[in-house]
Amino acid sequence: QVQLQESGPGLVKPSQTLSLTCTVSGGSITTYDYYWSWIRQPPGKGLEWMGAIGRRSTYYSSSLRSRTSISRDTTKNQFTLQLSSVTPEDTAIYYCAGDTRGPPFKVVLSRSDFNYWGQGTPVTVSS
């Protein structure tokens, strides 16, 4: 059974870079044809896909592309999110997720769009 767990700071100051890590257990992130995504849900809003990393490529939401970077560490079976120049509008619950479905990715999505989800980690952007 594949399990995902997000980790990172719960509070980030405006203009700083948010860094989150997703640790995958029960399966390898290098499994062929799996895509590992970061998704967020601002207060009172729906789920928003931010970006994903596959075996050979990374993919980003067009609205967040300039501020987002996703990478992976295969030795630790982890993938990470970096979101730069954060503002209070980036306050959200951040999830990592995995599925075999690849691009094109839906920006507005539901939980049924991914097989595996982390429990989510709340991040507040505030001074």
C-alpha atoms as a PDB file:
ATOM      1  CA  GLN A   1       0.000   0.000   0.000  1.00  0.00           C
ATOM      2  CA  VAL A   2       1.519   3.281  -1.126  1.00  0.00           C
ATOM      3  CA  GLN A   3       1.427   6.029   1.484  1.00  0.00           C
ATOM      4  CA  LEU A   4       2.400   9.686   1.158  1.00  0.00           C
ATOM      5  CA  GLN A   5       3.323  12.098   3.927  1.00  0.00           C
ATOM      6  CA  GLU A   6       3.904  15.826   3.558  1.00  0.00           C
ATOM      7  CA  SER A   7       6.305  17.726   5.784  1.00  0.00           C
ATOM      8  CA  GLY A   8       7.421  21.328   6.044  1.00  0.00           C
ATOM      9  CA  PRO A   9       6.883  24.591   7.898  1.00  0.00           C
ATOM     10  CA  GLY A  10       3.370  25.600   8.850  1.00  0.00           C
ATOM     11  CA  LEU A  11       4.147  29.316   8.740  1.00  0.00           C
ATOM     12  CA  VAL A  12       6.022  31.233   6.069  1.00  0.00           C
ATOM     13  CA  LYS A  13       6.626  34.980   5.824  1.00  0.00           C
ATOM     14  CA  PRO A  14       5.574  36.914   2.719  1.00  0.00           C
ATOM     15  CA  SER A  15       8.216  37.059  -0.036  1.00  0.00           C
ATOM     16  CA  GLN A  16       9.949  33.935   1.292  1.00  0.00           C
ATOM     17  CA  THR A  17      10.156  30.537  -0.415  1.00  0.00           C
ATOM     18  CA  LEU A  18       7.904  27.741   0.783  1.00  0.00           C
ATOM     19  CA  SER A  19       9.541  24.306   0.746  1.00  0.00           C
ATOM     20  CA  LEU A  20       7.591  21.106   1.289  1.00  0.00           C
ATOM     21  CA  THR A  21       8.645  17.475   1.095  1.00  0.00           C
ATOM     22  CA  CYS A  22       6.551  14.423   0.319  1.00  0.00           C
ATOM     23  CA  THR A  23       7.887  11.095   1.561  1.00  0.00           C
ATOM     24  CA  VAL A  24       6.546   8.048  -0.265  1.00  0.00           C
ATOM     25  CA  SER A  25       6.445   4.625   1.389  1.00  0.00           C
ATOM     26  CA  GLY A  26       5.212   1.276   0.136  1.00  0.00           C
ATOM     27  CA  GLY A  27       6.396   1.959  -3.394  1.00  0.00           C
ATOM     28  CA  SER A  28       9.138   3.643  -5.388  1.00  0.00           C
ATOM     29  CA  ILE A  29       8.746   7.108  -6.875  1.00  0.00           C
ATOM     30  CA  THR A  30      10.650   5.837  -9.890  1.00  0.00           C
ATOM     31  CA  THR A  31       7.915   3.344 -10.727  1.00  0.00           C
ATOM     32  CA  TYR A  32       7.358   3.544 -14.432  1.00  0.00           C
ATOM     33  CA  ASP A  33       4.447   5.697 -15.522  1.00  0.00           C
ATOM     34  CA  TYR A  34       3.703   7.215 -12.119  1.00  0.00           C
ATOM     35  CA  TYR A  35       3.318  10.977 -11.798  1.00  0.00           C
ATOM     36  CA  TRP A  36       3.742  12.704  -8.455  1.00  0.00           C
ATOM     37  CA  SER A  37       1.868  15.949  -7.947  1.00  0.00           C
ATOM     38  CA  TRP A  38       1.497  18.853  -5.576  1.00  0.00           C
ATOM     39  CA  ILE A  39      -2.027  20.146  -5.033  1.00  0.00           C
ATOM     40  CA  ARG A  40      -3.374  22.820  -2.738  1.00  0.00           C
ATOM     41  CA  GLN A  41      -6.687  23.952  -1.342  1.00  0.00           C
ATOM     42  CA  PRO A  42      -7.012  27.558  -0.133  1.00  0.00           C
ATOM     43  CA  PRO A  43      -9.584  28.241   2.594  1.00  0.00           C
ATOM     44  CA  GLY A  44     -13.102  28.044   1.194  1.00  0.00           C
ATOM     45  CA  LYS A  45     -11.916  27.061  -2.292  1.00  0.00           C
ATOM     46  CA  GLY A  46     -11.484  23.929  -4.333  1.00  0.00           C
ATOM     47  CA  LEU A  47      -8.471  21.785  -5.095  1.00  0.00           C
ATOM     48  CA  GLU A  48      -5.845  23.338  -7.368  1.00  0.00           C
ATOM     49  CA  TRP A  49      -3.203  21.298  -9.157  1.00  0.00           C
ATOM     50  CA  MET A  50       0.197  23.010  -8.962  1.00  0.00           C
ATOM     51  CA  GLY A  51       2.609  20.724 -10.752  1.00  0.00           C
ATOM     52  CA  ALA A  52       3.937  17.207 -11.130  1.00  0.00           C
ATOM     53  CA  ILE A  53       7.094  15.240 -11.703  1.00  0.00           C
ATOM     54  CA  GLY A  54       7.299  12.117 -13.795  1.00  0.00           C
ATOM     55  CA  ARG A  55      10.060   9.781 -14.717  1.00  0.00           C
ATOM     56  CA  ARG A  56      11.672  12.225 -17.133  1.00  0.00           C
ATOM     57  CA  SER A  57       9.835  15.536 -16.953  1.00  0.00           C
ATOM     58  CA  THR A  58       8.225  18.076 -14.731  1.00  0.00           C
ATOM     59  CA  TYR A  59       4.941  19.825 -15.423  1.00  0.00           C
ATOM     60  CA  TYR A  60       3.571  23.039 -13.947  1.00  0.00           C
ATOM     61  CA  SER A  61       0.329  24.919 -13.793  1.00  0.00           C
ATOM     62  CA  SER A  62       0.617  27.885 -16.141  1.00  0.00           C
ATOM     63  CA  SER A  63      -0.482  30.281 -13.403  1.00  0.00           C
ATOM     64  CA  LEU A  64       2.241  29.124 -10.982  1.00  0.00           C
ATOM     65  CA  ARG A  65       5.009  28.129 -13.384  1.00  0.00           C
ATOM     66  CA  SER A  66       7.177  31.180 -12.725  1.00  0.00           C
ATOM     67  CA  ARG A  67       7.243  30.540  -8.949  1.00  0.00           C
ATOM     68  CA  THR A  68       7.187  26.739  -8.717  1.00  0.00           C
ATOM     69  CA  SER A  69       9.870  24.089  -8.771  1.00  0.00           C
ATOM     70  CA  ILE A  70       9.386  20.370  -8.180  1.00  0.00           C
ATOM     71  CA  SER A  71      12.248  17.938  -7.770  1.00  0.00           C
ATOM     72  CA  ARG A  72      12.832  14.460  -6.411  1.00  0.00           C
ATOM     73  CA  ASP A  73      15.393  12.560  -4.374  1.00  0.00           C
ATOM     74  CA  THR A  74      15.268   8.935  -5.407  1.00  0.00           C
ATOM     75  CA  THR A  75      17.662   7.881  -2.629  1.00  0.00           C
ATOM     76  CA  LYS A  76      15.153   9.073  -0.043  1.00  0.00           C
ATOM     77  CA  ASN A  77      12.035   8.256  -2.088  1.00  0.00           C
ATOM     78  CA  GLN A  78      10.887  11.853  -1.731  1.00  0.00           C
ATOM     79  CA  PHE A  79       9.779  14.684  -3.955  1.00  0.00           C
ATOM     80  CA  THR A  80       9.752  18.339  -3.027  1.00  0.00           C
ATOM     81  CA  LEU A  81       7.911  21.545  -3.807  1.00  0.00           C
ATOM     82  CA  GLN A  82       9.415  24.996  -3.748  1.00  0.00           C
ATOM     83  CA  LEU A  83       7.108  27.987  -4.159  1.00  0.00           C
ATOM     84  CA  SER A  84       8.891  31.330  -4.244  1.00  0.00           C
ATOM     85  CA  SER A  85       7.756  34.865  -3.448  1.00  0.00           C
ATOM     86  CA  VAL A  86       4.791  33.698  -1.414  1.00  0.00           C
ATOM     87  CA  THR A  87       1.921  36.003  -0.461  1.00  0.00           C
ATOM     88  CA  PRO A  88      -1.032  35.521   1.897  1.00  0.00           C
ATOM     89  CA  GLU A  89      -2.961  34.216  -1.142  1.00  0.00           C
ATOM     90  CA  ASP A  90      -0.725  31.131  -1.003  1.00  0.00           C
ATOM     91  CA  THR A  91      -2.205  30.185   2.367  1.00  0.00           C
ATOM     92  CA  ALA A  92      -3.693  26.720   1.870  1.00  0.00           C
ATOM     93  CA  ILE A  93      -3.606  23.068   2.758  1.00  0.00           C
ATOM     94  CA  TYR A  94      -0.926  21.507   0.581  1.00  0.00           C
ATOM     95  CA  TYR A  95      -1.233  17.904  -0.564  1.00  0.00           C
ATOM     96  CA  CYS A  96       1.038  15.544  -2.406  1.00  0.00           C
ATOM     97  CA  ALA A  97      -0.568  12.916  -4.600  1.00  0.00           C
ATOM     98  CA  GLY A  98       0.310  10.197  -7.076  1.00  0.00           C
ATOM     99  CA  ASP A  99      -1.367   8.512 -10.040  1.00  0.00           C
ATOM    100  CA  THR A 100      -0.586   6.815 -13.327  1.00  0.00           C
ATOM    101  CA  ARG A 101      -2.555   9.390 -15.278  1.00  0.00           C
ATOM    102  CA  GLY A 102      -0.184  11.877 -16.838  1.00  0.00           C
ATOM    103  CA  PRO A 103      -0.437  15.018 -18.927  1.00  0.00           C
ATOM    104  CA  PRO A 104      -2.509  16.936 -19.655  1.00  0.00           C
ATOM    105  CA  PHE A 105      -3.270  17.600 -15.998  1.00  0.00           C
ATOM    106  CA  LYS A 106      -6.518  19.139 -14.826  1.00  0.00           C
ATOM    107  CA  VAL A 107      -5.956  22.320 -12.825  1.00  0.00           C
ATOM    108  CA  VAL A 108      -9.339  22.128 -11.121  1.00  0.00           C
ATOM    109  CA  LEU A 109      -9.743  18.612  -9.823  1.00  0.00           C
ATOM    110  CA  SER A 110     -11.310  16.302  -7.298  1.00  0.00           C
ATOM    111  CA  ARG A 111      -9.865  13.680  -4.993  1.00  0.00           C
ATOM    112  CA  SER A 112     -10.944  10.918  -7.353  1.00  0.00           C
ATOM    113  CA  ASP A 113      -8.439  12.187  -9.932  1.00  0.00           C
ATOM    114  CA  PHE A 114      -5.538  10.651  -7.989  1.00  0.00           C
ATOM    115  CA  ASN A 115      -5.050   7.188  -6.533  1.00  0.00           C
ATOM    116  CA  TYR A 116      -2.824   8.205  -3.668  1.00  0.00           C
ATOM    117  CA  TRP A 117      -2.972  11.248  -1.412  1.00  0.00           C
ATOM    118  CA  GLY A 118      -1.082  12.524   1.572  1.00  0.00           C
ATOM    119  CA  GLN A 119      -3.079  13.767   4.538  1.00  0.00           C
ATOM    120  CA  GLY A 120      -2.256  17.377   3.711  1.00  0.00           C
ATOM    121  CA  THR A 121      -0.276  19.979   5.589  1.00  0.00           C
ATOM    122  CA  PRO A 122      -1.594  23.474   6.369  1.00  0.00           C
ATOM    123  CA  VAL A 123       0.598  26.406   5.410  1.00  0.00           C
ATOM    124  CA  THR A 124      -0.079  29.985   6.467  1.00  0.00           C
ATOM    125  CA  VAL A 125       1.677  32.918   4.841  1.00  0.00           C
ATOM    126  CA  SER A 126       1.793  35.777   7.307  1.00  0.00           C
ATOM    127  CA  SER A 127       4.230  38.234   8.787  1.00  0.00           C
END
